[in-house]
Amino acid sequence: MVLEYEKKGYVEIQVSGNAYTSVSDLQSVVEFQYKRLRADKPLPVFGKVIAIGCGTLFLPGLLVFMLLFSSYRANRYERMAKEFRVWFLFSLAAWILLVMGLIFFG
């Protein structure tokens, strides 16, 4: 079991439905672990690319950002939502600095 946990990051167990519903402690542990794993998933590279793209396209990007960010939050992907917001704000700030640099030094 320890090797499986180290390899996959989780351990699969098989429990009958009757045992699962009768033991509330087992139910709470299994469900808690699933929720915690979901909340701790990092944002994939494709998500980072989309966040950067949303920051460069101002109005449509803002709408897409709001849609995806609220979707991550609604589905309890807390880490993904936080990373998506960071990459969006980073690209938005870089775009604003680029435009201001072109105005002042151009």
PDB file of N, CA and C in Angstrom:
ATOM      1  N   MET A   1       0.805  -1.187   0.000  1.00  0.00           N
ATOM      2  CA  MET A   1       0.000   0.000   0.000  1.00  0.00           C
ATOM      3  C   MET A   1       0.854   1.259   0.000  1.00  0.00           C
ATOM      4  N   VAL A   2       1.947   1.230   0.728  1.00  0.00           N
ATOM      5  CA  VAL A   2       2.820   2.396   0.795  1.00  0.00           C
ATOM      6  C   VAL A   2       3.461   2.650  -0.561  1.00  0.00           C
ATOM      7  N   LEU A   3       3.876   1.595  -1.239  1.00  0.00           N
ATOM      8  CA  LEU A   3       4.471   1.756  -2.563  1.00  0.00           C
ATOM      9  C   LEU A   3       3.460   2.316  -3.565  1.00  0.00           C
ATOM     10  N   GLU A   4       2.222   1.861  -3.486  1.00  0.00           N
ATOM     11  CA  GLU A   4       1.182   2.364  -4.373  1.00  0.00           C
ATOM     12  C   GLU A   4       0.920   3.845  -4.099  1.00  0.00           C
ATOM     13  N   TYR A   5       0.919   4.232  -2.830  1.00  0.00           N
ATOM     14  CA  TYR A   5       0.715   5.634  -2.477  1.00  0.00           C
ATOM     15  C   TYR A   5       1.854   6.504  -2.996  1.00  0.00           C
ATOM     16  N   GLU A   6       3.092   6.020  -2.840  1.00  0.00           N
ATOM     17  CA  GLU A   6       4.234   6.797  -3.312  1.00  0.00           C
ATOM     18  C   GLU A   6       4.249   6.903  -4.834  1.00  0.00           C
ATOM     19  N   LYS A   7       3.801   5.849  -5.507  1.00  0.00           N
ATOM     20  CA  LYS A   7       3.816   5.842  -6.964  1.00  0.00           C
ATOM     21  C   LYS A   7       2.692   6.694  -7.546  1.00  0.00           C
ATOM     22  N   LYS A   8       1.460   6.522  -7.053  1.00  0.00           N
ATOM     23  CA  LYS A   8       0.295   7.193  -7.631  1.00  0.00           C
ATOM     24  C   LYS A   8      -0.137   8.443  -6.869  1.00  0.00           C
ATOM     25  N   GLY A   9       0.189   8.515  -5.592  1.00  0.00           N
ATOM     26  CA  GLY A   9      -0.270   9.622  -4.773  1.00  0.00           C
ATOM     27  C   GLY A   9      -1.581   9.325  -4.069  1.00  0.00           C
ATOM     28  N   TYR A  10      -2.123   8.137  -4.281  1.00  0.00           N
ATOM     29  CA  TYR A  10      -3.349   7.710  -3.626  1.00  0.00           C
ATOM     30  C   TYR A  10      -3.367   6.189  -3.550  1.00  0.00           C
ATOM     31  N   VAL A  11      -4.251   5.655  -2.761  1.00  0.00           N
ATOM     32  CA  VAL A  11      -4.403   4.209  -2.600  1.00  0.00           C
ATOM     33  C   VAL A  11      -5.852   3.853  -2.906  1.00  0.00           C
ATOM     34  N   GLU A  12      -6.024   2.879  -3.773  1.00  0.00           N
ATOM     35  CA  GLU A  12      -7.372   2.418  -4.092  1.00  0.00           C
ATOM     36  C   GLU A  12      -7.786   1.352  -3.097  1.00  0.00           C
ATOM     37  N   ILE A  13      -9.014   1.482  -2.579  1.00  0.00           N
ATOM     38  CA  ILE A  13      -9.560   0.466  -1.684  1.00  0.00           C
ATOM     39  C   ILE A  13     -10.938   0.080  -2.189  1.00  0.00           C
ATOM     40  N   GLN A  14     -11.321  -1.154  -1.904  1.00  0.00           N
ATOM     41  CA  GLN A  14     -12.647  -1.618  -2.282  1.00  0.00           C
ATOM     42  C   GLN A  14     -13.413  -1.954  -1.010  1.00  0.00           C
ATOM     43  N   VAL A  15     -14.567  -1.315  -0.869  1.00  0.00           N
ATOM     44  CA  VAL A  15     -15.403  -1.496   0.310  1.00  0.00           C
ATOM     45  C   VAL A  15     -16.824  -1.729  -0.189  1.00  0.00           C
ATOM     46  N   SER A  16     -17.512  -2.644   0.442  1.00  0.00           N
ATOM     47  CA  SER A  16     -18.896  -2.887   0.040  1.00  0.00           C
ATOM     48  C   SER A  16     -19.757  -1.673   0.356  1.00  0.00           C
ATOM     49  N   GLY A  17     -20.824  -1.506  -0.388  1.00  0.00           N
ATOM     50  CA  GLY A  17     -21.713  -0.367  -0.185  1.00  0.00           C
ATOM     51  C   GLY A  17     -22.330  -0.348   1.196  1.00  0.00           C
ATOM     52  N   ASN A  18     -22.688  -1.531   1.719  1.00  0.00           N
ATOM     53  CA  ASN A  18     -23.294  -1.592   3.055  1.00  0.00           C
ATOM     54  C   ASN A  18     -22.307  -1.152   4.129  1.00  0.00           C
ATOM     55  N   ALA A  19     -21.059  -1.597   4.025  1.00  0.00           N
ATOM     56  CA  ALA A  19     -20.052  -1.209   5.016  1.00  0.00           C
ATOM     57  C   ALA A  19     -19.759   0.285   4.921  1.00  0.00           C
ATOM     58  N   TYR A  20     -19.732   0.791   3.705  1.00  0.00           N
ATOM     59  CA  TYR A  20     -19.440   2.206   3.502  1.00  0.00           C
ATOM     60  C   TYR A  20     -20.517   3.096   4.123  1.00  0.00           C
ATOM     61  N   THR A  21     -21.765   2.748   3.931  1.00  0.00           N
ATOM     62  CA  THR A  21     -22.840   3.580   4.477  1.00  0.00           C
ATOM     63  C   THR A  21     -23.014   3.402   5.976  1.00  0.00           C
ATOM     64  N   SER A  22     -22.612   2.243   6.507  1.00  0.00           N
ATOM     65  CA  SER A  22     -22.816   2.011   7.935  1.00  0.00           C
ATOM     66  C   SER A  22     -21.745   2.668   8.799  1.00  0.00           C
ATOM     67  N   VAL A  23     -20.579   2.879   8.269  1.00  0.00           N
ATOM     68  CA  VAL A  23     -19.491   3.468   9.057  1.00  0.00           C
ATOM     69  C   VAL A  23     -19.302   4.918   8.605  1.00  0.00           C
ATOM     70  N   SER A  24     -19.781   5.837   9.404  1.00  0.00           N
ATOM     71  CA  SER A  24     -19.718   7.252   9.022  1.00  0.00           C
ATOM     72  C   SER A  24     -18.289   7.780   9.035  1.00  0.00           C
ATOM     73  N   ASP A  25     -17.432   7.232   9.902  1.00  0.00           N
ATOM     74  CA  ASP A  25     -16.035   7.684   9.929  1.00  0.00           C
ATOM     75  C   ASP A  25     -15.341   7.364   8.616  1.00  0.00           C
ATOM     76  N   LEU A  26     -15.576   6.174   8.085  1.00  0.00           N
ATOM     77  CA  LEU A  26     -14.979   5.777   6.810  1.00  0.00           C
ATOM     78  C   LEU A  26     -15.473   6.704   5.705  1.00  0.00           C
ATOM     79  N   GLN A  27     -16.729   7.005   5.716  1.00  0.00           N
ATOM     80  CA  GLN A  27     -17.321   7.872   4.701  1.00  0.00           C
ATOM     81  C   GLN A  27     -16.707   9.273   4.749  1.00  0.00           C
ATOM     82  N   SER A  28     -16.554   9.817   5.925  1.00  0.00           N
ATOM     83  CA  SER A  28     -16.007  11.172   6.041  1.00  0.00           C
ATOM     84  C   SER A  28     -14.536  11.230   5.644  1.00  0.00           C
ATOM     85  N   VAL A  29     -13.760  10.201   5.963  1.00  0.00           N
ATOM     86  CA  VAL A  29     -12.346  10.183   5.603  1.00  0.00           C
ATOM     87  C   VAL A  29     -12.182  10.092   4.090  1.00  0.00           C
ATOM     88  N   VAL A  30     -12.920   9.196   3.459  1.00  0.00           N
ATOM     89  CA  VAL A  30     -12.796   9.030   2.012  1.00  0.00           C
ATOM     90  C   VAL A  30     -13.235  10.295   1.286  1.00  0.00           C
ATOM     91  N   GLU A  31     -14.340  10.874   1.678  1.00  0.00           N
ATOM     92  CA  GLU A  31     -14.830  12.076   1.018  1.00  0.00           C
ATOM     93  C   GLU A  31     -13.927  13.270   1.288  1.00  0.00           C
ATOM     94  N   PHE A  32     -13.370  13.376   2.478  1.00  0.00           N
ATOM     95  CA  PHE A  32     -12.471  14.478   2.790  1.00  0.00           C
ATOM     96  C   PHE A  32     -11.217  14.401   1.935  1.00  0.00           C
ATOM     97  N   GLN A  33     -10.649  13.216   1.807  1.00  0.00           N
ATOM     98  CA  GLN A  33      -9.445  13.052   1.003  1.00  0.00           C
ATOM     99  C   GLN A  33      -9.705  13.457  -0.443  1.00  0.00           C
ATOM    100  N   TYR A  34     -10.857  13.090  -0.988  1.00  0.00           N
ATOM    101  CA  TYR A  34     -11.170  13.431  -2.370  1.00  0.00           C
ATOM    102  C   TYR A  34     -11.288  14.941  -2.534  1.00  0.00           C
ATOM    103  N   LYS A  35     -11.967  15.596  -1.604  1.00  0.00           N
ATOM    104  CA  LYS A  35     -12.125  17.039  -1.705  1.00  0.00           C
ATOM    105  C   LYS A  35     -10.793  17.748  -1.570  1.00  0.00           C
ATOM    106  N   ARG A  36      -9.950  17.246  -0.684  1.00  0.00           N
ATOM    107  CA  ARG A  36      -8.653  17.888  -0.491  1.00  0.00           C
ATOM    108  C   ARG A  36      -7.780  17.718  -1.725  1.00  0.00           C
ATOM    109  N   LEU A  37      -7.802  16.530  -2.336  1.00  0.00           N
ATOM    110  CA  LEU A  37      -7.012  16.318  -3.542  1.00  0.00           C
ATOM    111  C   LEU A  37      -7.485  17.221  -4.667  1.00  0.00           C
ATOM    112  N   ARG A  38      -8.783  17.407  -4.786  1.00  0.00           N
ATOM    113  CA  ARG A  38      -9.333  18.271  -5.829  1.00  0.00           C
ATOM    114  C   ARG A  38      -8.888  19.714  -5.604  1.00  0.00           C
ATOM    115  N   ALA A  39      -8.922  20.177  -4.388  1.00  0.00           N
ATOM    116  CA  ALA A  39      -8.573  21.566  -4.095  1.00  0.00           C
ATOM    117  C   ALA A  39      -7.088  21.834  -4.302  1.00  0.00           C
ATOM    118  N   ASP A  40      -6.253  20.804  -4.188  1.00  0.00           N
ATOM    119  CA  ASP A  40      -4.803  20.982  -4.284  1.00  0.00           C
ATOM    120  C   ASP A  40      -4.236  20.730  -5.674  1.00  0.00           C
ATOM    121  N   LYS A  41      -5.090  20.466  -6.672  1.00  0.00           N
ATOM    122  CA  LYS A  41      -4.580  20.218  -8.017  1.00  0.00           C
ATOM    123  C   LYS A  41      -4.012  21.500  -8.603  1.00  0.00           C
ATOM    124  N   PRO A  42      -2.797  21.432  -9.182  1.00  0.00           N
ATOM    125  CA  PRO A  42      -2.223  22.637  -9.784  1.00  0.00           C
ATOM    126  C   PRO A  42      -2.848  22.932 -11.147  1.00  0.00           C
ATOM    127  N   LEU A  43      -2.697  24.149 -11.586  1.00  0.00           N
ATOM    128  CA  LEU A  43      -3.193  24.558 -12.893  1.00  0.00           C
ATOM    129  C   LEU A  43      -2.295  23.969 -13.976  1.00  0.00           C
ATOM    130  N   PRO A  44      -2.869  23.278 -14.963  1.00  0.00           N
ATOM    131  CA  PRO A  44      -2.025  22.719 -16.029  1.00  0.00           C
ATOM    132  C   PRO A  44      -1.431  23.825 -16.896  1.00  0.00           C
ATOM    133  N   VAL A  45      -0.438  23.454 -17.688  1.00  0.00           N
ATOM    134  CA  VAL A  45       0.259  24.425 -18.531  1.00  0.00           C
ATOM    135  C   VAL A  45      -0.718  25.086 -19.512  1.00  0.00           C
ATOM    136  N   PHE A  46      -1.636  24.307 -20.054  1.00  0.00           N
ATOM    137  CA  PHE A  46      -2.617  24.869 -20.974  1.00  0.00           C
ATOM    138  C   PHE A  46      -3.465  25.935 -20.283  1.00  0.00           C
ATOM    139  N   GLY A  47      -3.795  25.735 -19.023  1.00  0.00           N
ATOM    140  CA  GLY A  47      -4.542  26.729 -18.261  1.00  0.00           C
ATOM    141  C   GLY A  47      -3.741  28.006 -18.067  1.00  0.00           C
ATOM    142  N   LYS A  48      -2.438  27.863 -17.870  1.00  0.00           N
ATOM    143  CA  LYS A  48      -1.581  29.046 -17.728  1.00  0.00           C
ATOM    144  C   LYS A  48      -1.519  29.826 -19.033  1.00  0.00           C
ATOM    145  N   VAL A  49      -1.461  29.092 -20.157  1.00  0.00           N
ATOM    146  CA  VAL A  49      -1.439  29.750 -21.462  1.00  0.00           C
ATOM    147  C   VAL A  49      -2.750  30.507 -21.696  1.00  0.00           C
ATOM    148  N   ILE A  50      -3.858  29.904 -21.316  1.00  0.00           N
ATOM    149  CA  ILE A  50      -5.155  30.575 -21.467  1.00  0.00           C
ATOM    150  C   ILE A  50      -5.214  31.820 -20.580  1.00  0.00           C
ATOM    151  N   ALA A  51      -4.717  31.721 -19.360  1.00  0.00           N
ATOM    152  CA  ALA A  51      -4.718  32.883 -18.458  1.00  0.00           C
ATOM    153  C   ALA A  51      -3.871  34.014 -19.025  1.00  0.00           C
ATOM    154  N   ILE A  52      -2.718  33.681 -19.591  1.00  0.00           N
ATOM    155  CA  ILE A  52      -1.859  34.709 -20.200  1.00  0.00           C
ATOM    156  C   ILE A  52      -2.556  35.313 -21.411  1.00  0.00           C
ATOM    157  N   GLY A  53      -3.223  34.477 -22.211  1.00  0.00           N
ATOM    158  CA  GLY A  53      -3.971  34.981 -23.364  1.00  0.00           C
ATOM    159  C   GLY A  53      -5.113  35.888 -22.946  1.00  0.00           C
ATOM    160  N   CYS A  54      -5.774  35.546 -21.844  1.00  0.00           N
ATOM    161  CA  CYS A  54      -6.861  36.395 -21.347  1.00  0.00           C
ATOM    162  C   CYS A  54      -6.345  37.758 -20.914  1.00  0.00           C
ATOM    163  N   GLY A  55      -5.133  37.807 -20.389  1.00  0.00           N
ATOM    164  CA  GLY A  55      -4.560  39.079 -19.962  1.00  0.00           C
ATOM    165  C   GLY A  55      -4.161  39.964 -21.118  1.00  0.00           C
ATOM    166  N   THR A  56      -3.847  39.370 -22.269  1.00  0.00           N
ATOM    167  CA  THR A  56      -3.429  40.182 -23.413  1.00  0.00           C
ATOM    168  C   THR A  56      -4.613  40.695 -24.222  1.00  0.00           C
ATOM    169  N   LEU A  57      -5.730  39.984 -24.201  1.00  0.00           N
ATOM    170  CA  LEU A  57      -6.940  40.438 -24.893  1.00  0.00           C
ATOM    171  C   LEU A  57      -7.848  41.075 -23.849  1.00  0.00           C
ATOM    172  N   PHE A  58      -7.911  42.386 -23.818  1.00  0.00           N
ATOM    173  CA  PHE A  58      -8.506  43.060 -22.669  1.00  0.00           C
ATOM    174  C   PHE A  58      -9.971  42.711 -22.432  1.00  0.00           C
ATOM    175  N   LEU A  59     -10.887  43.138 -23.282  1.00  0.00           N
ATOM    176  CA  LEU A  59     -12.307  42.926 -22.986  1.00  0.00           C
ATOM    177  C   LEU A  59     -12.740  41.459 -23.139  1.00  0.00           C
ATOM    178  N   PRO A  60     -12.462  40.806 -24.268  1.00  0.00           N
ATOM    179  CA  PRO A  60     -12.867  39.396 -24.338  1.00  0.00           C
ATOM    180  C   PRO A  60     -12.108  38.540 -23.326  1.00  0.00           C
ATOM    181  N   GLY A  61     -10.865  38.896 -23.080  1.00  0.00           N
ATOM    182  CA  GLY A  61     -10.067  38.152 -22.110  1.00  0.00           C
ATOM    183  C   GLY A  61     -10.615  38.268 -20.699  1.00  0.00           C
ATOM    184  N   LEU A  62     -11.110  39.442 -20.365  1.00  0.00           N
ATOM    185  CA  LEU A  62     -11.701  39.652 -19.045  1.00  0.00           C
ATOM    186  C   LEU A  62     -12.964  38.814 -18.874  1.00  0.00           C
ATOM    187  N   LEU A  63     -13.767  38.739 -19.925  1.00  0.00           N
ATOM    188  CA  LEU A  63     -14.980  37.918 -19.862  1.00  0.00           C
ATOM    189  C   LEU A  63     -14.652  36.434 -19.726  1.00  0.00           C
ATOM    190  N   VAL A  64     -13.678  35.967 -20.506  1.00  0.00           N
ATOM    191  CA  VAL A  64     -13.267  34.557 -20.415  1.00  0.00           C
ATOM    192  C   VAL A  64     -12.659  34.279 -19.046  1.00  0.00           C
ATOM    193  N   PHE A  65     -11.853  35.225 -18.553  1.00  0.00           N
ATOM    194  CA  PHE A  65     -11.261  35.056 -17.224  1.00  0.00           C
ATOM    195  C   PHE A  65     -12.338  34.911 -16.160  1.00  0.00           C
ATOM    196  N   MET A  66     -13.340  35.779 -16.189  1.00  0.00           N
ATOM    197  CA  MET A  66     -14.402  35.716 -15.184  1.00  0.00           C
ATOM    198  C   MET A  66     -15.161  34.393 -15.277  1.00  0.00           C
ATOM    199  N   LEU A  67     -15.408  33.917 -16.483  1.00  0.00           N
ATOM    200  CA  LEU A  67     -16.111  32.652 -16.672  1.00  0.00           C
ATOM    201  C   LEU A  67     -15.305  31.480 -16.121  1.00  0.00           C
ATOM    202  N   LEU A  68     -14.034  31.387 -16.501  1.00  0.00           N
ATOM    203  CA  LEU A  68     -13.205  30.265 -16.051  1.00  0.00           C
ATOM    204  C   LEU A  68     -12.889  30.341 -14.558  1.00  0.00           C
ATOM    205  N   PHE A  69     -12.619  31.543 -14.076  1.00  0.00           N
ATOM    206  CA  PHE A  69     -12.299  31.699 -12.654  1.00  0.00           C
ATOM    207  C   PHE A  69     -13.481  31.291 -11.784  1.00  0.00           C
ATOM    208  N   SER A  70     -14.680  31.724 -12.158  1.00  0.00           N
ATOM    209  CA  SER A  70     -15.856  31.340 -11.380  1.00  0.00           C
ATOM    210  C   SER A  70     -16.130  29.842 -11.488  1.00  0.00           C
ATOM    211  N   SER A  71     -15.805  29.245 -12.629  1.00  0.00           N
ATOM    212  CA  SER A  71     -15.977  27.804 -12.791  1.00  0.00           C
ATOM    213  C   SER A  71     -15.022  27.038 -11.876  1.00  0.00           C
ATOM    214  N   TYR A  72     -13.774  27.469 -11.817  1.00  0.00           N
ATOM    215  CA  TYR A  72     -12.810  26.821 -10.911  1.00  0.00           C
ATOM    216  C   TYR A  72     -13.270  26.937  -9.463  1.00  0.00           C
ATOM    217  N   ARG A  73     -13.735  28.115  -9.080  1.00  0.00           N
ATOM    218  CA  ARG A  73     -14.185  28.314  -7.696  1.00  0.00           C
ATOM    219  C   ARG A  73     -15.432  27.490  -7.391  1.00  0.00           C
ATOM    220  N   ALA A  74     -16.368  27.422  -8.328  1.00  0.00           N
ATOM    221  CA  ALA A  74     -17.614  26.680  -8.114  1.00  0.00           C
ATOM    222  C   ALA A  74     -17.353  25.178  -7.979  1.00  0.00           C
ATOM    223  N   ASN A  75     -16.347  24.690  -8.703  1.00  0.00           N
ATOM    224  CA  ASN A  75     -16.010  23.261  -8.644  1.00  0.00           C
ATOM    225  C   ASN A  75     -14.963  22.945  -7.585  1.00  0.00           C
ATOM    226  N   ARG A  76     -14.644  23.922  -6.755  1.00  0.00           N
ATOM    227  CA  ARG A  76     -13.736  23.773  -5.615  1.00  0.00           C
ATOM    228  C   ARG A  76     -12.295  23.433  -6.003  1.00  0.00           C
ATOM    229  N   TYR A  77     -11.859  23.962  -7.137  1.00  0.00           N
ATOM    230  CA  TYR A  77     -10.456  23.858  -7.525  1.00  0.00           C
ATOM    231  C   TYR A  77      -9.764  25.124  -7.031  1.00  0.00           C
ATOM    232  N   GLU A  78      -9.498  25.183  -5.737  1.00  0.00           N
ATOM    233  CA  GLU A  78      -8.985  26.414  -5.125  1.00  0.00           C
ATOM    234  C   GLU A  78      -7.607  26.795  -5.649  1.00  0.00           C
ATOM    235  N   ARG A  79      -6.703  25.828  -5.727  1.00  0.00           N
ATOM    236  CA  ARG A  79      -5.352  26.137  -6.187  1.00  0.00           C
ATOM    237  C   ARG A  79      -5.346  26.550  -7.655  1.00  0.00           C
ATOM    238  N   MET A  80      -6.156  25.874  -8.469  1.00  0.00           N
ATOM    239  CA  MET A  80      -6.246  26.245  -9.883  1.00  0.00           C
ATOM    240  C   MET A  80      -6.761  27.673 -10.033  1.00  0.00           C
ATOM    241  N   ALA A  81      -7.764  28.026  -9.254  1.00  0.00           N
ATOM    242  CA  ALA A  81      -8.330  29.379  -9.327  1.00  0.00           C
ATOM    243  C   ALA A  81      -7.280  30.418  -8.930  1.00  0.00           C
ATOM    244  N   LYS A  82      -6.532  30.124  -7.879  1.00  0.00           N
ATOM    245  CA  LYS A  82      -5.513  31.069  -7.416  1.00  0.00           C
ATOM    246  C   LYS A  82      -4.408  31.241  -8.461  1.00  0.00           C
ATOM    247  N   GLU A  83      -3.938  30.128  -9.032  1.00  0.00           N
ATOM    248  CA  GLU A  83      -2.884  30.205 -10.042  1.00  0.00           C
ATOM    249  C   GLU A  83      -3.394  30.870 -11.321  1.00  0.00           C
ATOM    250  N   PHE A  84      -4.642  30.594 -11.687  1.00  0.00           N
ATOM    251  CA  PHE A  84      -5.221  31.220 -12.874  1.00  0.00           C
ATOM    252  C   PHE A  84      -5.271  32.726 -12.704  1.00  0.00           C
ATOM    253  N   ARG A  85      -5.674  33.194 -11.516  1.00  0.00           N
ATOM    254  CA  ARG A  85      -5.728  34.627 -11.228  1.00  0.00           C
ATOM    255  C   ARG A  85      -4.329  35.252 -11.271  1.00  0.00           C
ATOM    256  N   VAL A  86      -3.340  34.558 -10.715  1.00  0.00           N
ATOM    257  CA  VAL A  86      -1.970  35.089 -10.701  1.00  0.00           C
ATOM    258  C   VAL A  86      -1.429  35.253 -12.119  1.00  0.00           C
ATOM    259  N   TRP A  87      -1.592  34.233 -12.964  1.00  0.00           N
ATOM    260  CA  TRP A  87      -1.092  34.309 -14.333  1.00  0.00           C
ATOM    261  C   TRP A  87      -1.842  35.369 -15.139  1.00  0.00           C
ATOM    262  N   PHE A  88      -3.141  35.504 -14.906  1.00  0.00           N
ATOM    263  CA  PHE A  88      -3.913  36.541 -15.591  1.00  0.00           C
ATOM    264  C   PHE A  88      -3.405  37.925 -15.206  1.00  0.00           C
ATOM    265  N   LEU A  89      -3.250  38.173 -13.909  1.00  0.00           N
ATOM    266  CA  LEU A  89      -2.785  39.486 -13.444  1.00  0.00           C
ATOM    267  C   LEU A  89      -1.358  39.768 -13.898  1.00  0.00           C
ATOM    268  N   PHE A  90      -0.518  38.731 -13.937  1.00  0.00           N
ATOM    269  CA  PHE A  90       0.860  38.892 -14.414  1.00  0.00           C
ATOM    270  C   PHE A  90       0.867  39.342 -15.879  1.00  0.00           C
ATOM    271  N   SER A  91       0.081  38.671 -16.711  1.00  0.00           N
ATOM    272  CA  SER A  91       0.076  39.033 -18.135  1.00  0.00           C
ATOM    273  C   SER A  91      -0.581  40.391 -18.355  1.00  0.00           C
ATOM    274  N   LEU A  92      -1.605  40.709 -17.578  1.00  0.00           N
ATOM    275  CA  LEU A  92      -2.243  42.016 -17.687  1.00  0.00           C
ATOM    276  C   LEU A  92      -1.270  43.131 -17.303  1.00  0.00           C
ATOM    277  N   ALA A  93      -0.521  42.923 -16.224  1.00  0.00           N
ATOM    278  CA  ALA A  93       0.468  43.914 -15.794  1.00  0.00           C
ATOM    279  C   ALA A  93       1.582  44.064 -16.833  1.00  0.00           C
ATOM    280  N   ALA A  94       2.033  42.959 -17.403  1.00  0.00           N
ATOM    281  CA  ALA A  94       3.078  43.021 -18.428  1.00  0.00           C
ATOM    282  C   ALA A  94       2.578  43.776 -19.654  1.00  0.00           C
ATOM    283  N   TRP A  95       1.340  43.541 -20.047  1.00  0.00           N
ATOM    284  CA  TRP A  95       0.754  44.231 -21.193  1.00  0.00           C
ATOM    285  C   TRP A  95       0.638  45.734 -20.920  1.00  0.00           C
ATOM    286  N   ILE A  96       0.192  46.097 -19.744  1.00  0.00           N
ATOM    287  CA  ILE A  96       0.062  47.519 -19.390  1.00  0.00           C
ATOM    288  C   ILE A  96       1.432  48.191 -19.352  1.00  0.00           C
ATOM    289  N   LEU A  97       2.434  47.515 -18.777  1.00  0.00           N
ATOM    290  CA  LEU A  97       3.787  48.079 -18.748  1.00  0.00           C
ATOM    291  C   LEU A  97       4.349  48.245 -20.157  1.00  0.00           C
ATOM    292  N   LEU A  98       4.059  47.303 -21.030  1.00  0.00           N
ATOM    293  CA  LEU A  98       4.534  47.395 -22.407  1.00  0.00           C
ATOM    294  C   LEU A  98       3.902  48.593 -23.116  1.00  0.00           C
ATOM    295  N   VAL A  99       2.614  48.751 -22.967  1.00  0.00           N
ATOM    296  CA  VAL A  99       1.921  49.889 -23.604  1.00  0.00           C
ATOM    297  C   VAL A  99       2.412  51.209 -23.022  1.00  0.00           C
ATOM    298  N   MET A 100       2.582  51.282 -21.705  1.00  0.00           N
ATOM    299  CA  MET A 100       3.077  52.520 -21.096  1.00  0.00           C
ATOM    300  C   MET A 100       4.506  52.804 -21.530  1.00  0.00           C
ATOM    301  N   GLY A 101       5.326  51.767 -21.656  1.00  0.00           N
ATOM    302  CA  GLY A 101       6.692  51.967 -22.137  1.00  0.00           C
ATOM    303  C   GLY A 101       6.735  52.481 -23.547  1.00  0.00           C
ATOM    304  N   LEU A 102       5.850  51.980 -24.391  1.00  0.00           N
ATOM    305  CA  LEU A 102       5.801  52.466 -25.774  1.00  0.00           C
ATOM    306  C   LEU A 102       5.324  53.920 -25.845  1.00  0.00           C
ATOM    307  N   ILE A 103       4.411  54.278 -24.950  1.00  0.00           N
ATOM    308  CA  ILE A 103       3.901  55.663 -24.936  1.00  0.00           C
ATOM    309  C   ILE A 103       4.992  56.627 -24.460  1.00  0.00           C
ATOM    310  N   PHE A 104       5.662  56.282 -23.358  1.00  0.00           N
ATOM    311  CA  PHE A 104       6.660  57.185 -22.781  1.00  0.00           C
ATOM    312  C   PHE A 104       7.950  57.209 -23.570  1.00  0.00           C
ATOM    313  N   PHE A 105       8.402  56.082 -24.068  1.00  0.00           N
ATOM    314  CA  PHE A 105       9.697  56.020 -24.744  1.00  0.00           C
ATOM    315  C   PHE A 105       9.568  55.910 -26.254  1.00  0.00           C
ATOM    316  N   GLY A 106       8.353  55.923 -26.768  1.00  0.00           N
ATOM    317  CA  GLY A 106       8.144  55.735 -28.206  1.00  0.00           C
ATOM    318  C   GLY A 106       8.007  56.987 -28.934  1.00  0.00           C
TER     319      GLY A 106
END
